[in-house]
PDB file of N, CA and C in Angstrom:
ATOM      1  N   MET A   1     -12.367 113.156   2.837  1.00  0.00           N
ATOM      2  CA  MET A   1     -12.107 113.843   1.723  1.00  0.00           C
ATOM      3  C   MET A   1     -10.231 114.165   1.447  1.00  0.00           C
ATOM      4  N   THR A   2      -9.495 113.947   2.625  1.00  0.00           N
ATOM      5  CA  THR A   2      -8.155 114.837   2.453  1.00  0.00           C
ATOM      6  C   THR A   2      -7.520 113.189   1.773  1.00  0.00           C
ATOM      7  N   ASN A   3      -8.024 112.107   2.260  1.00  0.00           N
ATOM      8  CA  ASN A   3      -6.943 111.295   1.445  1.00  0.00           C
ATOM      9  C   ASN A   3      -7.080 110.977  -0.057  1.00  0.00           C
ATOM     10  N   ARG A   4      -8.353 111.501  -0.562  1.00  0.00           N
ATOM     11  CA  ARG A   4      -8.411 111.586  -2.261  1.00  0.00           C
ATOM     12  C   ARG A   4      -7.922 112.805  -2.579  1.00  0.00           C
ATOM     13  N   LYS A   5      -7.192 113.936  -2.032  1.00  0.00           N
ATOM     14  CA  LYS A   5      -6.394 114.531  -2.469  1.00  0.00           C
ATOM     15  C   LYS A   5      -5.410 114.516  -2.727  1.00  0.00           C
ATOM     16  N   PHE A   6      -4.505 113.442  -1.128  1.00  0.00           N
ATOM     17  CA  PHE A   6      -3.327 112.962  -1.656  1.00  0.00           C
ATOM     18  C   PHE A   6      -3.419 112.192  -2.485  1.00  0.00           C
ATOM     19  N   ALA A   7      -3.927 111.265  -2.857  1.00  0.00           N
ATOM     20  CA  ALA A   7      -4.411 109.719  -3.556  1.00  0.00           C
ATOM     21  C   ALA A   7      -4.084 110.933  -5.286  1.00  0.00           C
ATOM     22  N   GLY A   8      -5.253 111.741  -5.300  1.00  0.00           N
ATOM     23  CA  GLY A   8      -5.125 112.412  -6.747  1.00  0.00           C
ATOM     24  C   GLY A   8      -3.514 113.147  -7.073  1.00  0.00           C
ATOM     25  N   VAL A   9      -3.051 113.408  -5.984  1.00  0.00           N
ATOM     26  CA  VAL A   9      -2.014 114.480  -6.036  1.00  0.00           C
ATOM     27  C   VAL A   9      -0.574 113.610  -6.683  1.00  0.00           C
ATOM     28  N   GLY A  10      -1.080 112.112  -5.992  1.00  0.00           N
ATOM     29  CA  GLY A  10      -0.245 110.944  -6.151  1.00  0.00           C
ATOM     30  C   GLY A  10      -0.198 110.749  -8.061  1.00  0.00           C
ATOM     31  N   VAL A  11      -1.639 110.275  -8.209  1.00  0.00           N
ATOM     32  CA  VAL A  11      -1.799 110.367  -9.458  1.00  0.00           C
ATOM     33  C   VAL A  11      -1.031 110.956 -10.583  1.00  0.00           C
ATOM     34  N   PHE A  12      -1.229 112.370 -10.361  1.00  0.00           N
ATOM     35  CA  PHE A  12      -0.803 113.727 -11.085  1.00  0.00           C
ATOM     36  C   PHE A  12       0.598 113.206 -11.113  1.00  0.00           C
ATOM     37  N   ILE A  13       1.257 113.439  -9.898  1.00  0.00           N
ATOM     38  CA  ILE A  13       2.645 113.153 -10.022  1.00  0.00           C
ATOM     39  C   ILE A  13       3.322 112.133 -10.927  1.00  0.00           C
ATOM     40  N   SER A  14       2.632 110.973 -10.459  1.00  0.00           N
ATOM     41  CA  SER A  14       3.020 109.408 -11.327  1.00  0.00           C
ATOM     42  C   SER A  14       2.974 110.031 -12.855  1.00  0.00           C
ATOM     43  N   VAL A  15       1.949 109.937 -13.180  1.00  0.00           N
ATOM     44  CA  VAL A  15       1.936 110.477 -14.382  1.00  0.00           C
ATOM     45  C   VAL A  15       2.906 111.476 -15.512  1.00  0.00           C
ATOM     46  N   PHE A  16       2.995 112.476 -14.787  1.00  0.00           N
ATOM     47  CA  PHE A  16       3.808 113.581 -15.184  1.00  0.00           C
ATOM     48  C   PHE A  16       5.092 113.103 -14.838  1.00  0.00           C
ATOM     49  N   VAL A  17       5.631 112.652 -14.540  1.00  0.00           N
ATOM     50  CA  VAL A  17       6.946 111.340 -14.030  1.00  0.00           C
ATOM     51  C   VAL A  17       7.018 110.954 -15.380  1.00  0.00           C
ATOM     52  N   LEU A  18       5.988 110.079 -15.428  1.00  0.00           N
ATOM     53  CA  LEU A  18       6.238 108.776 -16.490  1.00  0.00           C
ATOM     54  C   LEU A  18       6.230 109.553 -17.651  1.00  0.00           C
ATOM     55  N   LEU A  19       5.405 110.706 -18.163  1.00  0.00           N
ATOM     56  CA  LEU A  19       5.586 111.319 -19.363  1.00  0.00           C
ATOM     57  C   LEU A  19       6.877 111.995 -19.720  1.00  0.00           C
ATOM     58  N   ILE A  20       7.744 112.768 -18.488  1.00  0.00           N
ATOM     59  CA  ILE A  20       8.788 113.018 -19.009  1.00  0.00           C
ATOM     60  C   ILE A  20      10.236 111.905 -18.749  1.00  0.00           C
ATOM     61  N   MET A  21      10.098 111.020 -17.982  1.00  0.00           N
ATOM     62  CA  MET A  21      10.761 109.684 -18.534  1.00  0.00           C
ATOM     63  C   MET A  21      10.859 109.524 -19.474  1.00  0.00           C
ATOM     64  N   TYR A  22       9.346 109.101 -19.782  1.00  0.00           N
ATOM     65  CA  TYR A  22       9.551 108.631 -21.239  1.00  0.00           C
ATOM     66  C   TYR A  22       9.997 109.495 -22.890  1.00  0.00           C
ATOM     67  N   PHE A  23       9.779 110.634 -22.400  1.00  0.00           N
ATOM     68  CA  PHE A  23      10.250 111.720 -23.633  1.00  0.00           C
ATOM     69  C   PHE A  23      11.835 111.725 -23.423  1.00  0.00           C
ATOM     70  N   THR A  24      12.567 111.391 -21.893  1.00  0.00           N
ATOM     71  CA  THR A  24      13.882 111.750 -21.664  1.00  0.00           C
ATOM     72  C   THR A  24      14.498 110.169 -22.457  1.00  0.00           C
ATOM     73  N   TYR A  25      13.919 108.738 -22.388  1.00  0.00           N
ATOM     74  CA  TYR A  25      14.447 107.902 -23.070  1.00  0.00           C
ATOM     75  C   TYR A  25      13.948 107.719 -24.225  1.00  0.00           C
ATOM     76  N   SER A  26      13.403 108.670 -25.189  1.00  0.00           N
ATOM     77  CA  SER A  26      12.660 108.542 -26.582  1.00  0.00           C
ATOM     78  C   SER A  26      14.341 109.559 -26.837  1.00  0.00           C
ATOM     79  N   ASN A  27      14.640 110.282 -26.309  1.00  0.00           N
ATOM     80  CA  ASN A  27      15.784 110.955 -26.710  1.00  0.00           C
ATOM     81  C   ASN A  27      17.394 110.752 -26.597  1.00  0.00           C
ATOM     82  N   ILE A  28      17.371 109.287 -25.978  1.00  0.00           N
ATOM     83  CA  ILE A  28      18.468 108.982 -25.838  1.00  0.00           C
ATOM     84  C   ILE A  28      19.412 108.601 -27.314  1.00  0.00           C
ATOM     85  N   GLY A  29      20.375 109.148 -27.449  1.00  0.00           N
ATOM     86  CA  GLY A  29      20.965 109.423 -28.722  1.00  0.00           C
ATOM     87  C   GLY A  29      20.765 109.778 -29.594  1.00  0.00           C
ATOM     88  N   PHE A  30      19.720 110.784 -29.466  1.00  0.00           N
ATOM     89  CA  PHE A  30      19.659 111.935 -30.204  1.00  0.00           C
ATOM     90  C   PHE A  30      20.748 112.847 -30.121  1.00  0.00           C
ATOM     91  N   PRO A  31      21.392 113.313 -31.566  1.00  0.00           N
ATOM     92  CA  PRO A  31      20.654 113.590 -32.917  1.00  0.00           C
ATOM     93  C   PRO A  31      21.254 112.472 -33.793  1.00  0.00           C
ATOM     94  N   ASP A  32      22.552 112.427 -33.451  1.00  0.00           N
ATOM     95  CA  ASP A  32      23.409 111.055 -34.040  1.00  0.00           C
ATOM     96  C   ASP A  32      23.469 110.089 -33.866  1.00  0.00           C
ATOM     97  N   GLY A  33      22.737 109.141 -33.035  1.00  0.00           N
ATOM     98  CA  GLY A  33      22.843 108.078 -32.457  1.00  0.00           C
ATOM     99  C   GLY A  33      23.564 107.606 -31.509  1.00  0.00           C
ATOM    100  N   HIS A  34      24.805 108.281 -31.555  1.00  0.00           N
ATOM    101  CA  HIS A  34      26.253 107.838 -30.457  1.00  0.00           C
ATOM    102  C   HIS A  34      25.608 107.570 -28.881  1.00  0.00           C
ATOM    103  N   LEU A  35      25.889 106.194 -28.429  1.00  0.00           N
ATOM    104  CA  LEU A  35      25.350 106.222 -27.483  1.00  0.00           C
ATOM    105  C   LEU A  35      26.548 105.938 -26.047  1.00  0.00           C
ATOM    106  N   THR A  36      26.441 106.643 -25.283  1.00  0.00           N
ATOM    107  CA  THR A  36      27.959 106.596 -24.307  1.00  0.00           C
ATOM    108  C   THR A  36      27.098 105.625 -23.484  1.00  0.00           C
ATOM    109  N   GLU A  37      28.259 105.489 -22.678  1.00  0.00           N
ATOM    110  CA  GLU A  37      28.553 104.387 -21.552  1.00  0.00           C
ATOM    111  C   GLU A  37      27.088 104.644 -20.686  1.00  0.00           C
ATOM    112  N   PHE A  38      26.734 106.093 -20.242  1.00  0.00           N
ATOM    113  CA  PHE A  38      25.644 106.369 -19.249  1.00  0.00           C
ATOM    114  C   PHE A  38      24.522 106.174 -20.085  1.00  0.00           C
ATOM    115  N   ASP A  39      24.311 106.597 -21.538  1.00  0.00           N
ATOM    116  CA  ASP A  39      23.059 106.155 -22.364  1.00  0.00           C
ATOM    117  C   ASP A  39      22.445 104.787 -22.219  1.00  0.00           C
ATOM    118  N   VAL A  40      23.671 103.868 -22.111  1.00  0.00           N
ATOM    119  CA  VAL A  40      23.296 102.510 -22.342  1.00  0.00           C
ATOM    120  C   VAL A  40      22.945 101.820 -21.098  1.00  0.00           C
ATOM    121  N   PHE A  41      23.751 101.980 -19.960  1.00  0.00           N
ATOM    122  CA  PHE A  41      23.323 102.030 -18.519  1.00  0.00           C
ATOM    123  C   PHE A  41      21.879 102.428 -18.174  1.00  0.00           C
ATOM    124  N   CYS A  42      21.684 103.773 -18.531  1.00  0.00           N
ATOM    125  CA  CYS A  42      19.969 104.679 -18.669  1.00  0.00           C
ATOM    126  C   CYS A  42      19.343 103.469 -19.167  1.00  0.00           C
ATOM    127  N   LYS A  43      19.576 103.538 -20.843  1.00  0.00           N
ATOM    128  CA  LYS A  43      18.405 102.691 -21.257  1.00  0.00           C
ATOM    129  C   LYS A  43      18.374 100.892 -21.003  1.00  0.00           C
ATOM    130  N   GLU A  44      19.545 100.361 -20.313  1.00  0.00           N
ATOM    131  CA  GLU A  44      19.183  98.654 -20.156  1.00  0.00           C
ATOM    132  C   GLU A  44      19.001  98.278 -18.823  1.00  0.00           C
ATOM    133  N   LEU A  45      19.341  99.898 -17.621  1.00  0.00           N
ATOM    134  CA  LEU A  45      18.762  99.466 -16.365  1.00  0.00           C
ATOM    135  C   LEU A  45      17.881 100.671 -15.310  1.00  0.00           C
ATOM    136  N   LEU A  46      18.687 101.712 -15.691  1.00  0.00           N
ATOM    137  CA  LEU A  46      17.648 102.697 -15.026  1.00  0.00           C
ATOM    138  C   LEU A  46      16.384 103.019 -15.512  1.00  0.00           C
ATOM    139  N   PHE A  47      16.271 103.399 -16.488  1.00  0.00           N
ATOM    140  CA  PHE A  47      14.570 103.545 -17.167  1.00  0.00           C
ATOM    141  C   PHE A  47      13.778 102.611 -16.653  1.00  0.00           C
ATOM    142  N   PRO A  48      14.122 100.820 -17.192  1.00  0.00           N
ATOM    143  CA  PRO A  48      12.860  99.953 -17.258  1.00  0.00           C
ATOM    144  C   PRO A  48      12.982  99.845 -14.822  1.00  0.00           C
ATOM    145  N   ILE A  49      13.726  99.941 -14.426  1.00  0.00           N
ATOM    146  CA  ILE A  49      13.266 100.419 -13.308  1.00  0.00           C
ATOM    147  C   ILE A  49      12.754 101.316 -13.005  1.00  0.00           C
ATOM    148  N   PHE A  50      12.821 102.040 -12.968  1.00  0.00           N
ATOM    149  CA  PHE A  50      12.658 103.778 -12.949  1.00  0.00           C
ATOM    150  C   PHE A  50      10.427 103.189 -13.472  1.00  0.00           C
ATOM    151  N   ILE A  51      10.602 103.228 -14.670  1.00  0.00           N
ATOM    152  CA  ILE A  51       9.328 103.384 -14.869  1.00  0.00           C
ATOM    153  C   ILE A  51       8.822 102.265 -14.526  1.00  0.00           C
ATOM    154  N   ALA A  52       9.153 100.944 -14.095  1.00  0.00           N
ATOM    155  CA  ALA A  52       8.113  99.792 -13.433  1.00  0.00           C
ATOM    156  C   ALA A  52       7.867 100.319 -11.802  1.00  0.00           C
ATOM    157  N   VAL A  53       8.532 101.186 -11.164  1.00  0.00           N
ATOM    158  CA  VAL A  53       8.363 101.975  -9.907  1.00  0.00           C
ATOM    159  C   VAL A  53       7.273 102.620 -10.018  1.00  0.00           C
ATOM    160  N   ASN A  54       7.397 103.575 -11.046  1.00  0.00           N
ATOM    161  CA  ASN A  54       6.423 104.821 -10.983  1.00  0.00           C
ATOM    162  C   ASN A  54       4.932 104.068 -11.575  1.00  0.00           C
ATOM    163  N   ILE A  55       4.929 102.880 -12.144  1.00  0.00           N
ATOM    164  CA  ILE A  55       3.571 102.495 -12.444  1.00  0.00           C
ATOM    165  C   ILE A  55       3.326 101.932 -11.458  1.00  0.00           C
ATOM    166  N   LEU A  56       3.992 101.333 -10.638  1.00  0.00           N
ATOM    167  CA  LEU A  56       3.660 100.487  -9.193  1.00  0.00           C
ATOM    168  C   LEU A  56       3.097 101.375  -8.709  1.00  0.00           C
ATOM    169  N   TYR A  57       3.390 102.499  -8.216  1.00  0.00           N
ATOM    170  CA  TYR A  57       2.904 103.750  -7.272  1.00  0.00           C
ATOM    171  C   TYR A  57       1.700 104.610  -8.248  1.00  0.00           C
ATOM    172  N   LEU A  58       1.713 104.343  -9.490  1.00  0.00           N
ATOM    173  CA  LEU A  58       0.213 104.711 -10.318  1.00  0.00           C
ATOM    174  C   LEU A  58      -0.404 103.912  -9.806  1.00  0.00           C
ATOM    175  N   ILE A  59      -0.683 102.739  -9.910  1.00  0.00           N
ATOM    176  CA  ILE A  59      -1.678 101.545  -9.558  1.00  0.00           C
ATOM    177  C   ILE A  59      -2.040 101.881  -8.224  1.00  0.00           C
ATOM    178  N   VAL A  60      -1.182 102.075  -7.119  1.00  0.00           N
ATOM    179  CA  VAL A  60      -1.236 102.342  -5.696  1.00  0.00           C
ATOM    180  C   VAL A  60      -2.050 103.549  -5.458  1.00  0.00           C
ATOM    181  N   PHE A  61      -2.031 105.104  -6.201  1.00  0.00           N
ATOM    182  CA  PHE A  61      -2.365 105.848  -5.771  1.00  0.00           C
ATOM    183  C   PHE A  61      -3.919 105.825  -6.225  1.00  0.00           C
ATOM    184  N   MET A  62      -3.900 104.974  -7.484  1.00  0.00           N
ATOM    185  CA  MET A  62      -5.369 105.067  -8.418  1.00  0.00           C
ATOM    186  C   MET A  62      -5.942 104.203  -7.544  1.00  0.00           C
ATOM    187  N   SER A  63      -5.833 103.132  -6.854  1.00  0.00           N
ATOM    188  CA  SER A  63      -6.719 102.091  -5.500  1.00  0.00           C
ATOM    189  C   SER A  63      -6.712 103.125  -4.319  1.00  0.00           C
ATOM    190  N   LEU A  64      -5.851 103.546  -3.657  1.00  0.00           N
ATOM    191  CA  LEU A  64      -6.136 104.587  -2.787  1.00  0.00           C
ATOM    192  C   LEU A  64      -6.843 105.823  -3.058  1.00  0.00           C
ATOM    193  N   TYR A  65      -7.495 106.050  -4.308  1.00  0.00           N
ATOM    194  CA  TYR A  65      -8.413 106.978  -4.188  1.00  0.00           C
ATOM    195  C   TYR A  65      -9.460 106.501  -4.091  1.00  0.00           C
ATOM    196  N   PHE A  66     -10.020 105.286  -4.402  1.00  0.00           N
ATOM    197  CA  PHE A  66     -11.131 104.598  -4.172  1.00  0.00           C
ATOM    198  C   PHE A  66     -11.530 103.853  -2.774  1.00  0.00           C
ATOM    199  N   VAL A  67      -9.994 103.767  -2.041  1.00  0.00           N
ATOM    200  CA  VAL A  67     -10.571 102.979  -0.685  1.00  0.00           C
ATOM    201  C   VAL A  67     -10.109 103.659   0.219  1.00  0.00           C
ATOM    202  N   LYS A  68     -10.255 103.888   1.617  1.00  0.00           N
ATOM    203  CA  LYS A  68     -10.198 104.498   2.422  1.00  0.00           C
ATOM    204  C   LYS A  68      -9.525 104.138   3.188  1.00  0.00           C
ATOM    205  N   LYS A  69      -7.991 104.774   2.641  1.00  0.00           N
ATOM    206  CA  LYS A  69      -6.823 104.329   3.228  1.00  0.00           C
ATOM    207  C   LYS A  69      -5.666 105.741   3.732  1.00  0.00           C
ATOM    208  N   LYS A  70      -4.651 105.769   4.104  1.00  0.00           N
ATOM    209  CA  LYS A  70      -3.924 106.740   4.504  1.00  0.00           C
ATOM    210  C   LYS A  70      -2.976 106.471   2.621  1.00  0.00           C
ATOM    211  N   ALA A  71      -3.402 107.983   2.341  1.00  0.00           N
ATOM    212  CA  ALA A  71      -2.554 108.102   1.104  1.00  0.00           C
ATOM    213  C   ALA A  71      -1.401 108.769   1.630  1.00  0.00           C
ATOM    214  N   MET A  72      -1.396 109.884   2.447  1.00  0.00           N
ATOM    215  CA  MET A  72      -0.240 110.887   2.449  1.00  0.00           C
ATOM    216  C   MET A  72       1.007 109.791   3.182  1.00  0.00           C
ATOM    217  N   HIS A  73       1.061 109.278   3.605  1.00  0.00           N
ATOM    218  CA  HIS A  73       2.289 108.520   3.707  1.00  0.00           C
ATOM    219  C   HIS A  73       3.452 107.632   2.477  1.00  0.00           C
ATOM    220  N   ARG A  74       2.298 107.505   1.759  1.00  0.00           N
ATOM    221  CA  ARG A  74       2.660 106.905   0.482  1.00  0.00           C
ATOM    222  C   ARG A  74       3.282 107.668  -0.484  1.00  0.00           C
ATOM    223  N   LEU A  75       2.269 109.202  -0.641  1.00  0.00           N
ATOM    224  CA  LEU A  75       3.196 110.007  -1.318  1.00  0.00           C
ATOM    225  C   LEU A  75       4.381 110.876  -0.917  1.00  0.00           C
ATOM    226  N   ILE A  76       4.201 110.579   0.283  1.00  0.00           N
ATOM    227  CA  ILE A  76       6.121 111.030   0.648  1.00  0.00           C
ATOM    228  C   ILE A  76       6.990 110.163   0.532  1.00  0.00           C
ATOM    229  N   PHE A  77       6.840 108.823   0.808  1.00  0.00           N
ATOM    230  CA  PHE A  77       7.560 107.637   0.815  1.00  0.00           C
ATOM    231  C   PHE A  77       7.878 108.004  -1.274  1.00  0.00           C
ATOM    232  N   TYR A  78       6.638 108.192  -1.719  1.00  0.00           N
ATOM    233  CA  TYR A  78       7.090 108.046  -3.209  1.00  0.00           C
ATOM    234  C   TYR A  78       7.934 109.564  -3.638  1.00  0.00           C
ATOM    235  N   VAL A  79       7.921 110.544  -2.965  1.00  0.00           N
ATOM    236  CA  VAL A  79       8.699 111.843  -3.273  1.00  0.00           C
ATOM    237  C   VAL A  79       9.930 111.504  -2.670  1.00  0.00           C
ATOM    238  N   LEU A  80      10.164 110.671  -1.871  1.00  0.00           N
ATOM    239  CA  LEU A  80      11.750 110.199  -1.583  1.00  0.00           C
ATOM    240  C   LEU A  80      12.108 109.093  -2.293  1.00  0.00           C
ATOM    241  N   THR A  81      11.359 108.751  -2.962  1.00  0.00           N
ATOM    242  CA  THR A  81      11.836 107.361  -4.062  1.00  0.00           C
ATOM    243  C   THR A  81      12.342 108.298  -5.136  1.00  0.00           C
ATOM    244  N   LEU A  82      11.552 109.188  -5.640  1.00  0.00           N
ATOM    245  CA  LEU A  82      12.177 109.920  -6.595  1.00  0.00           C
ATOM    246  C   LEU A  82      12.812 110.870  -6.493  1.00  0.00           C
ATOM    247  N   ILE A  83      13.437 111.046  -5.313  1.00  0.00           N
ATOM    248  CA  ILE A  83      14.737 111.842  -4.830  1.00  0.00           C
ATOM    249  C   ILE A  83      15.864 111.227  -4.760  1.00  0.00           C
ATOM    250  N   ILE A  84      16.079 109.491  -4.135  1.00  0.00           N
ATOM    251  CA  ILE A  84      16.458 108.681  -4.118  1.00  0.00           C
ATOM    252  C   ILE A  84      17.408 108.836  -5.546  1.00  0.00           C
ATOM    253  N   ILE A  85      15.954 108.220  -6.390  1.00  0.00           N
ATOM    254  CA  ILE A  85      16.341 107.607  -7.859  1.00  0.00           C
ATOM    255  C   ILE A  85      16.868 109.550  -8.861  1.00  0.00           C
ATOM    256  N   ALA A  86      16.860 110.130  -8.404  1.00  0.00           N
ATOM    257  CA  ALA A  86      17.265 110.977  -8.910  1.00  0.00           C
ATOM    258  C   ALA A  86      18.799 111.486  -8.680  1.00  0.00           C
ATOM    259  N   VAL A  87      18.962 111.070  -7.219  1.00  0.00           N
ATOM    260  CA  VAL A  87      20.446 111.182  -6.917  1.00  0.00           C
ATOM    261  C   VAL A  87      21.700 110.109  -7.603  1.00  0.00           C
ATOM    262  N   MET A  88      20.622 109.006  -7.869  1.00  0.00           N
ATOM    263  CA  MET A  88      21.471 107.893  -8.968  1.00  0.00           C
ATOM    264  C   MET A  88      21.781 108.446  -9.523  1.00  0.00           C
ATOM    265  N   TYR A  89      20.577 108.837 -10.206  1.00  0.00           N
ATOM    266  CA  TYR A  89      20.744 109.379 -11.704  1.00  0.00           C
ATOM    267  C   TYR A  89      22.008 110.787 -12.218  1.00  0.00           C
ATOM    268  N   TYR A  90      22.015 111.028 -11.375  1.00  0.00           N
ATOM    269  CA  TYR A  90      23.465 112.256 -10.957  1.00  0.00           C
ATOM    270  C   TYR A  90      24.782 111.619 -11.163  1.00  0.00           C
ATOM    271  N   TYR A  91      24.329 110.627 -10.049  1.00  0.00           N
ATOM    272  CA  TYR A  91      25.590 109.526  -9.328  1.00  0.00           C
ATOM    273  C   TYR A  91      26.033 109.353 -10.546  1.00  0.00           C
ATOM    274  N   PHE A  92      25.325 108.566 -11.070  1.00  0.00           N
ATOM    275  CA  PHE A  92      26.176 107.777 -12.718  1.00  0.00           C
ATOM    276  C   PHE A  92      26.070 108.733 -13.773  1.00  0.00           C
ATOM    277  N   SER A  93      25.744 109.686 -13.864  1.00  0.00           N
ATOM    278  CA  SER A  93      25.824 110.913 -14.977  1.00  0.00           C
ATOM    279  C   SER A  93      27.387 111.185 -14.947  1.00  0.00           C
ATOM    280  N   ILE A  94      27.573 111.549 -13.673  1.00  0.00           N
ATOM    281  CA  ILE A  94      29.238 112.233 -13.568  1.00  0.00           C
ATOM    282  C   ILE A  94      30.404 111.332 -13.322  1.00  0.00           C
ATOM    283  N   ASN A  95      30.082 109.725 -12.849  1.00  0.00           N
ATOM    284  CA  ASN A  95      30.862 108.865 -12.546  1.00  0.00           C
ATOM    285  C   ASN A  95      30.883 107.699 -14.226  1.00  0.00           C
ATOM    286  N   LEU A  96      29.788 107.688 -14.899  1.00  0.00           N
ATOM    287  CA  LEU A  96      30.440 107.165 -16.107  1.00  0.00           C
ATOM    288  C   LEU A  96      30.590 107.834 -17.600  1.00  0.00           C
ATOM    289  N   GLU A  97      31.153 107.567 -18.775  1.00  0.00           N
ATOM    290  CA  GLU A  97      31.530 108.826 -19.481  1.00  0.00           C
ATOM    291  C   GLU A  97      30.096 108.923 -20.271  1.00  0.00           C
ATOM    292  N   ASN A  98      30.175 110.224 -20.014  1.00  0.00           N
ATOM    293  CA  ASN A  98      28.702 110.617 -20.876  1.00  0.00           C
ATOM    294  C   ASN A  98      28.943 111.846 -22.011  1.00  0.00           C
ATOM    295  N   GLY A  99      29.837 111.847 -22.495  1.00  0.00           N
ATOM    296  CA  GLY A  99      30.571 112.230 -23.440  1.00  0.00           C
ATOM    297  C   GLY A  99      30.588 114.028 -23.581  1.00  0.00           C
ATOM    298  N   GLN A 100      30.744 114.319 -22.166  1.00  0.00           N
ATOM    299  CA  GLN A 100      30.438 116.094 -21.629  1.00  0.00           C
ATOM    300  C   GLN A 100      32.114 116.632 -22.888  1.00  0.00           C
ATOM    301  N   GLY A 101      33.007 115.674 -22.861  1.00  0.00           N
ATOM    302  CA  GLY A 101      34.150 116.278 -24.145  1.00  0.00           C
ATOM    303  C   GLY A 101      34.916 117.410 -22.724  1.00  0.00           C
ATOM    304  N   GLY A 102      36.008 117.703 -22.887  1.00  0.00           N
ATOM    305  CA  GLY A 102      37.237 118.409 -22.549  1.00  0.00           C
ATOM    306  C   GLY A 102      37.149 119.959 -22.763  1.00  0.00           C
TER     307      GLY A 102
END
């Protein structure tokens, strides 16, 4: 039973993060359509990789919900992956031109 809980939490987190990333992706260049160097990097490289990783984890967690395998370790690895991607996002946002101004 505990396995199903971890798999359910993993599915919920995956769907929630996918929705947030889709919303962020759709707002790139809003309101004036100007794309900074960071926006182009995110749109062409970072978001497709991130969305592919999230969909892969979503499929893994959905399959773990029905199969009796250990889901806790995969959930921990997924959270660590999210942290690594958030650090990458932050690193590139401060090192690429992001339109902050002066």
